[in-house]
Structures are given as structure tokens and as C-alpha cells.
N, C-alpha and C. Protein backbone atom coordinates (compact mmCIF):
# COMPACT_ATOMS: atom_id res chain seq x y z
N MET A 1 -12.94 -21.47 2.12
CA MET A 1 -12.95 -22.11 0.83
C MET A 1 -12.11 -22.20 -0.46
N ASN A 2 -11.50 -22.78 -0.65
CA ASN A 2 -11.22 -22.89 -2.01
C ASN A 2 -11.93 -23.57 -3.12
N ILE A 3 -12.20 -23.41 -4.31
CA ILE A 3 -13.35 -24.09 -5.32
C ILE A 3 -12.32 -24.01 -6.16
N ARG A 4 -11.70 -24.97 -6.52
CA ARG A 4 -10.95 -25.41 -8.03
C ARG A 4 -12.27 -25.90 -9.48
N PHE A 5 -12.12 -25.72 -10.41
CA PHE A 5 -12.77 -25.90 -11.49
C PHE A 5 -12.37 -26.57 -12.55
N VAL A 6 -12.44 -27.51 -12.94
CA VAL A 6 -11.63 -28.26 -14.34
C VAL A 6 -12.06 -28.55 -14.97
N SER A 7 -12.19 -28.11 -16.36
CA SER A 7 -13.45 -28.29 -17.14
C SER A 7 -12.17 -28.96 -18.64
N SER A 8 -13.34 -29.48 -19.74
CA SER A 8 -12.94 -29.72 -20.83
C SER A 8 -12.86 -28.13 -21.83
N LEU A 9 -13.31 -27.79 -21.80
CA LEU A 9 -13.81 -26.05 -22.39
C LEU A 9 -12.40 -25.49 -23.34
N THR A 10 -12.49 -25.17 -24.37
CA THR A 10 -11.10 -24.60 -24.98
C THR A 10 -10.67 -23.20 -24.68
N PRO A 11 -9.80 -22.52 -24.85
CA PRO A 11 -9.00 -21.94 -24.29
C PRO A 11 -10.17 -20.59 -24.46
N ASP A 12 -10.45 -20.82 -25.81
CA ASP A 12 -11.37 -19.60 -26.16
C ASP A 12 -12.56 -19.60 -25.62
N ASP A 13 -13.26 -21.00 -25.40
CA ASP A 13 -14.30 -20.85 -24.93
C ASP A 13 -14.15 -20.47 -23.37
N GLU A 14 -13.16 -20.55 -22.44
CA GLU A 14 -12.93 -20.39 -21.20
C GLU A 14 -12.86 -18.74 -20.91
N GLU A 15 -12.60 -17.96 -22.31
CA GLU A 15 -12.40 -16.64 -22.58
C GLU A 15 -14.13 -15.84 -22.53
N ARG A 16 -15.00 -16.94 -23.14
CA ARG A 16 -16.39 -16.27 -23.28
C ARG A 16 -16.95 -16.66 -22.14
N VAL A 17 -16.59 -17.94 -21.39
CA VAL A 17 -17.87 -18.42 -20.43
C VAL A 17 -17.26 -17.70 -19.22
N ALA A 18 -16.21 -17.57 -18.47
CA ALA A 18 -15.45 -17.08 -17.29
C ALA A 18 -16.38 -15.94 -17.01
N PRO A 19 -16.50 -14.71 -17.72
CA PRO A 19 -17.45 -13.76 -17.14
C PRO A 19 -18.89 -14.05 -17.13
N GLY A 20 -19.71 -14.75 -17.57
CA GLY A 20 -21.05 -15.22 -16.73
C GLY A 20 -21.08 -16.26 -15.64
N VAL A 21 -19.67 -17.22 -14.93
CA VAL A 21 -19.71 -17.90 -14.44
C VAL A 21 -18.94 -16.69 -13.65
N LEU A 22 -18.22 -15.99 -13.43
CA LEU A 22 -18.58 -15.43 -12.10
C LEU A 22 -19.65 -14.17 -11.90
N ASN A 23 -20.20 -13.57 -13.15
CA ASN A 23 -21.64 -13.07 -12.23
C ASN A 23 -22.54 -13.84 -12.05
N ALA A 24 -22.52 -15.41 -12.39
CA ALA A 24 -23.10 -16.61 -11.58
C ALA A 24 -23.00 -16.03 -10.13
N LEU A 25 -21.30 -16.68 -10.14
CA LEU A 25 -21.69 -16.83 -8.76
C LEU A 25 -21.85 -15.76 -7.85
N ARG A 26 -21.44 -14.46 -8.49
CA ARG A 26 -21.48 -13.05 -7.78
C ARG A 26 -22.94 -13.15 -7.32
N LEU A 27 -23.82 -12.96 -8.22
CA LEU A 27 -25.89 -12.96 -8.37
C LEU A 27 -26.23 -13.79 -6.93
N ILE A 28 -25.02 -15.19 -6.59
CA ILE A 28 -25.86 -15.48 -5.73
C ILE A 28 -24.62 -15.16 -4.09
N LEU A 29 -24.43 -15.32 -4.18
CA LEU A 29 -22.96 -15.17 -3.05
C LEU A 29 -23.57 -13.12 -2.79
N ASP A 30 -23.89 -12.28 -3.34
CA ASP A 30 -23.95 -10.93 -2.93
C ASP A 30 -25.39 -10.83 -2.23
N THR A 31 -26.30 -11.60 -2.17
CA THR A 31 -27.59 -11.99 -1.23
C THR A 31 -26.66 -11.96 0.27
N MET A 32 -25.50 -12.49 0.21
CA MET A 32 -25.84 -13.08 1.74
C MET A 32 -24.50 -11.94 2.49
N PRO A 33 -25.00 -12.00 3.65
CA PRO A 33 -23.68 -10.80 3.99
C PRO A 33 -22.16 -11.25 4.58
N LEU A 34 -21.47 -11.60 3.81
CA LEU A 34 -20.01 -12.38 3.48
C LEU A 34 -19.16 -11.89 2.75
N ALA A 35 -18.11 -11.26 3.48
CA ALA A 35 -16.84 -11.13 2.70
C ALA A 35 -16.19 -12.08 1.76
N TYR A 36 -16.11 -11.81 0.82
CA TYR A 36 -15.26 -13.56 -0.44
C TYR A 36 -14.88 -12.19 -1.52
N THR A 37 -13.88 -13.31 -2.13
CA THR A 37 -12.99 -12.95 -3.48
C THR A 37 -12.97 -13.87 -4.31
N ILE A 38 -14.03 -13.43 -5.49
CA ILE A 38 -14.14 -14.62 -6.76
C ILE A 38 -12.87 -14.46 -7.47
N ARG A 39 -12.30 -15.23 -7.99
CA ARG A 39 -10.98 -15.36 -8.97
C ARG A 39 -11.04 -16.67 -10.23
N ILE A 40 -11.05 -15.84 -10.94
CA ILE A 40 -11.05 -16.86 -12.26
C ILE A 40 -9.91 -16.42 -13.26
N GLU A 41 -9.49 -17.55 -13.27
CA GLU A 41 -7.98 -17.20 -14.16
C GLU A 41 -7.75 -18.37 -15.64
N THR A 42 -8.05 -18.05 -16.54
CA THR A 42 -8.44 -19.03 -17.71
C THR A 42 -7.24 -19.29 -18.04
N ALA A 43 -6.82 -20.15 -19.17
CA ALA A 43 -5.86 -20.81 -19.63
C ALA A 43 -4.82 -20.46 -20.50
N THR A 44 -5.38 -19.36 -20.58
CA THR A 44 -4.57 -17.64 -21.63
C THR A 44 -4.01 -16.74 -20.19
N GLY A 45 -4.15 -17.21 -19.13
CA GLY A 45 -3.58 -16.44 -18.56
C GLY A 45 -4.58 -15.12 -17.99
N ARG A 46 -5.88 -14.92 -18.43
CA ARG A 46 -6.98 -13.55 -17.83
C ARG A 46 -7.38 -13.76 -16.85
N VAL A 47 -7.45 -12.62 -16.24
CA VAL A 47 -8.32 -12.97 -14.48
C VAL A 47 -9.72 -12.11 -14.70
N PHE A 48 -10.38 -12.34 -14.20
CA PHE A 48 -11.54 -12.24 -13.75
C PHE A 48 -11.81 -12.07 -12.23
N GLN A 49 -12.47 -11.06 -11.59
CA GLN A 49 -12.30 -11.29 -10.15
C GLN A 49 -13.37 -10.28 -9.73
N HIS A 50 -13.47 -10.65 -8.58
CA HIS A 50 -14.90 -9.52 -7.88
C HIS A 50 -14.80 -9.80 -6.23
N ALA A 51 -14.68 -8.69 -5.92
CA ALA A 51 -14.85 -8.64 -4.35
C ALA A 51 -15.73 -8.23 -3.78
N HIS A 52 -16.44 -8.62 -2.93
CA HIS A 52 -17.93 -7.99 -1.66
C HIS A 52 -17.36 -7.71 -0.41
N ALA A 53 -17.37 -6.84 0.19
CA ALA A 53 -17.02 -6.50 1.24
C ALA A 53 -17.53 -7.00 2.75
N GLY A 54 -19.17 -7.57 2.52
CA GLY A 54 -19.29 -8.38 3.23
C GLY A 54 -20.63 -7.89 4.08
N THR A 55 -21.23 -6.26 3.55
CA THR A 55 -21.84 -5.78 4.37
C THR A 55 -23.49 -5.83 3.73
N GLU A 56 -24.26 -5.46 4.29
CA GLU A 56 -25.67 -6.24 3.82
C GLU A 56 -25.98 -6.12 2.43
N ALA A 57 -26.66 -6.96 2.00
CA ALA A 57 -26.77 -7.01 0.46
C ALA A 57 -28.14 -5.97 0.04
N GLU A 58 -27.69 -5.87 -1.08
CA GLU A 58 -28.94 -4.64 -1.58
C GLU A 58 -29.75 -5.45 -2.39
N PRO A 59 -30.81 -5.02 -2.20
CA PRO A 59 -31.91 -5.78 -3.26
C PRO A 59 -32.09 -5.32 -4.92
N PRO A 60 -32.01 -5.85 -5.49
CA PRO A 60 -31.60 -5.92 -7.11
C PRO A 60 -33.37 -4.66 -6.94
N ALA A 61 -32.49 -4.12 -8.46
CA ALA A 61 -34.00 -3.30 -9.08
C ALA A 61 -35.00 -3.81 -9.16
N PRO A 62 -36.41 -2.66 -9.01
CA PRO A 62 -37.82 -3.54 -8.93
C PRO A 62 -37.56 -3.92 -11.04
N GLY A 63 -38.05 -4.90 -11.27
CA GLY A 63 -38.44 -5.20 -12.69
C GLY A 63 -36.83 -5.49 -13.32
N THR A 64 -35.43 -5.58 -12.70
CA THR A 64 -34.16 -6.51 -13.27
C THR A 64 -34.02 -7.86 -13.02
N ALA A 65 -32.91 -8.64 -13.27
CA ALA A 65 -32.92 -9.48 -12.67
C ALA A 65 -31.83 -9.86 -12.03
N ALA A 66 -30.45 -8.57 -12.09
CA ALA A 66 -29.66 -8.49 -10.98
C ALA A 66 -29.22 -6.97 -10.69
N GLY A 67 -30.32 -6.00 -11.07
CA GLY A 67 -30.19 -4.68 -10.44
C GLY A 67 -29.76 -3.71 -11.42
N GLY A 68 -28.89 -4.42 -12.58
CA GLY A 68 -28.24 -3.64 -13.40
C GLY A 68 -28.28 -4.48 -15.15
N ALA A 69 -27.24 -3.54 -15.82
CA ALA A 69 -27.21 -3.96 -17.38
C ALA A 69 -26.41 -4.90 -17.61
N ASN A 70 -27.18 -6.00 -18.05
CA ASN A 70 -26.41 -7.55 -18.17
C ASN A 70 -26.13 -8.03 -17.38
N GLY A 71 -26.85 -7.69 -16.43
CA GLY A 71 -26.62 -8.55 -14.38
C GLY A 71 -25.53 -7.98 -14.13
N VAL A 72 -24.95 -6.71 -14.32
CA VAL A 72 -23.79 -6.34 -13.83
C VAL A 72 -24.17 -5.15 -12.98
N ALA A 73 -24.52 -5.08 -11.87
CA ALA A 73 -24.95 -4.29 -10.76
C ALA A 73 -23.81 -3.15 -10.22
N ASN A 74 -23.88 -2.07 -10.88
CA ASN A 74 -23.05 -0.86 -10.06
C ASN A 74 -21.15 -1.06 -10.58
N GLY A 75 -21.29 -1.53 -11.94
CA GLY A 75 -19.90 -1.88 -12.55
C GLY A 75 -18.77 -2.68 -11.69
N THR A 76 -19.48 -3.73 -10.74
CA THR A 76 -18.77 -4.59 -9.96
C THR A 76 -17.92 -5.79 -10.65
N LEU A 77 -18.28 -6.11 -11.58
CA LEU A 77 -18.04 -7.48 -12.41
C LEU A 77 -16.95 -6.74 -13.17
N ASN A 78 -15.39 -6.95 -12.81
CA ASN A 78 -14.40 -6.52 -13.58
C ASN A 78 -13.34 -7.91 -13.98
N GLY A 79 -13.29 -7.62 -15.22
CA GLY A 79 -12.78 -8.60 -16.29
C GLY A 79 -11.32 -7.90 -16.49
N VAL A 80 -9.22 -8.38 -16.10
CA VAL A 80 -9.03 -7.74 -15.51
C VAL A 80 -7.63 -9.18 -16.38
N SER A 81 -6.87 -8.31 -17.32
CA SER A 81 -5.99 -9.06 -18.38
C SER A 81 -4.79 -9.04 -17.29
N ARG A 82 -4.28 -10.07 -16.84
CA ARG A 82 -2.54 -10.04 -16.25
C ARG A 82 -1.82 -11.30 -16.21
N PRO A 83 -0.93 -11.52 -16.46
CA PRO A 83 0.20 -12.04 -16.56
C PRO A 83 0.11 -13.42 -15.70
N ARG A 84 0.20 -14.53 -15.30
CA ARG A 84 0.14 -15.32 -14.41
C ARG A 84 1.67 -14.98 -13.63
N THR A 85 1.27 -14.80 -12.25
CA THR A 85 2.29 -15.24 -11.12
C THR A 85 2.16 -16.26 -10.51
N THR A 86 2.91 -16.23 -10.04
CA THR A 86 3.32 -17.47 -8.63
C THR A 86 3.29 -16.54 -7.48
N VAL A 87 2.83 -16.78 -6.14
CA VAL A 87 2.46 -16.03 -4.89
C VAL A 87 3.04 -17.32 -4.06
N SER A 88 3.92 -16.88 -3.75
CA SER A 88 4.80 -17.80 -1.93
C SER A 88 4.28 -17.77 -1.28
């Protein structure tokens, strides 16, 4: 499945919103035993990505929304700046 999201966000807004979108998708998909990769590339070329191996999902720790500080569990939310590249 390949999902493309186009919006009227400014490049600065994309930089602020992208980590939250990535985290929200991660929280939904990590509850399922499937392998996936989420990759968000902003208009400025910054890349935010997260991969899941498809193993049994662990439930969040009691008393937390996502099991970690600011919704990031076990340091799996990765914001990586990379120049744009084209893969053939």
C-alpha cells in the first residue's frame, strides 16, 4: 500500500506537523502484527520515518497514552534529514 498525502501546509508547518503525523500513524499501526515502513518527506527535503518488523505488538505501559515520553516508545520515532534522491 502506498499512500500520498497532499496539503496546503507551508514548508515550515510541514516541519512542525510531520513528526506528529508519523507518531499518530505509528501508534495505530504498531498495535497490529504487520511489517511496515512509514516515510514522510517534507517540501524542504527533510525525511521522517519509522519501520516496524511485524512482531507481536507490546501494549503501552500503564498510565501512558503511548508507553513513552511524548508518545515516543523505545526511541523508535526517527527524524532524519536527508537530501532528496530519486530511486530508479
